[in-house]
Amino acid sequence: MSLAQKLQEKFFRYVAITSQSDASQDTVPSTAGQLELAKVLQEDLAKLGLVDLEISEYGVLTGKLPANLPSDYHKVPTVGWVAHLDTVDVCLSPDIKPQIIKNYQGGDICLNAEKNIYLTTAQHPEIEKYIGDDILVSDGTSVLGADNKAAISNVVVALETLWENPQILHGDIYVAFVPDEEIGLKGSKKLDFSKFPVDFAYTIDSCELGEVIYQTFNAGSAKVHIKGVTAHPMSAKGVLVNPVLVATDLINSFDRMQTPEHTEKTEGYIWINGIDANVLEATVSMNIRDHNKTLYEARKQQIRDAVEFLKLRHPKAEITLTMSDTYANIENAVTDDNKQCIDYIYQAMADLDIKPQTIAMRGGTDGSFISSQGILTPNYFTGAHNFHSNCEFLPMKSFVKSCEMTLKLIELITK
């Protein structure tokens, strides 16, 4: 069976398990399907010689493929791969029905004739770069789930390749499959690092062929709760404090050009992404993002200053601020001592004749948190396009190249 056939078989197997995460839940994992997928993976990995396979109370699956090096072999770094179990909730069906377009010949793709859903070249002209390739797509009612089940399939097939070819030398390889990445990297924050004792790690959680990511946002969130003073309009003068208007004053204190819709590349922002209000109280929710650590901290201070001014402007209102960090820029963790794991990515691409596309991601990966814990974890491509969309697609040749990257990295690390 070819690498492409193995990848497709594994991908169809894993996306068949519904594992969409649910941000409304406080438990980790947030959905039962993620735990079901972890159990399936545990069984699959046990057949490939992995040991110490364990699913934690949080649904984090860890395991180890022991080294097969000769006793007199030089010291080899211990490496890990991390992939997330959940698919994203973007108000589409949680159930994924993948299909493959064989030998794509250009033009629009009908994803679902019954519902008249198309992937069009007008909206997604990049699809025509893949004429002649086989393309994985959904049925248009859901995401495809390449984020991140393409990565899961990639890692499993790479490990299967090592199991079937014991002459391929490798050091200790650890894996961690974590839940709830899409709702705040909650699974990686529950990772027991004593069960993942690696020198560095990789995620496979970005888009098209050649993408390399070791720059992500520094990310945080803030909530401002405002309790007003209620009064009947007939006697409200000098008494009523309207929390909706207080919240409006807060929102208007921020630069409208420093928002997601007006920024790009490494430009940061404060995103007012929610307001819940009535006559008594209001809560304003914000996301804070910046690649630059100093500017990120300055944006947090800007929110604190805005809240303090709001208190002066509305002394009768009760105003409280809560703020927390969500994840950090991977690049913050890069040092001269650990950057070799990034160098391996570029060497692997050179060996595989892949043109690198280094991206400053306007988002984060599990590696954003793991890197902040002292394990540098850069990211490379799955090959897919249009993550978080019903028009997500994955060209098979790019999928194969992603898995070849994993195998090439193992080879380079072992040399």
Foldseek 3Di string as FASTA:
>chain_A
DDLLVLLVVQLQVQLQQQAAQDLVAPAARRDPSLLVSLVVVLVLVVVLQWPPWDQDPRRKTKTKRAFPDPPPADDFFEEEEEAESHAYPPPFDSRWAKDKDAQAADAKAQLAPVVRDIDGCVVVVVVVVQHGFIKMATSLRFHNPVRPSLQVSLVSSLSNVCSVPVVQGFHMYMYIYFYDFNNQLVGLVVDDCVRVVGQAYAYAGDAAFFEWEQFEKFKKKKKKKKFWFDDDPVPPVPTGDAQVVLVVQLVVVDDPCQEPVNDDAQRWHKYFDDWDGDRTMIMTMIMTIGRDPVVSVVVVVVSVVSQVVSCVVPVRMDMDMDMDTRFHRLVVLDDPVRCVLVVLLVVLCVVVVTHHDYGNYHHDGNQRHVSVVVHRYIYHHCRWPDRPGSGIMHGSVSNSSVSSSVNSSRNVSSD
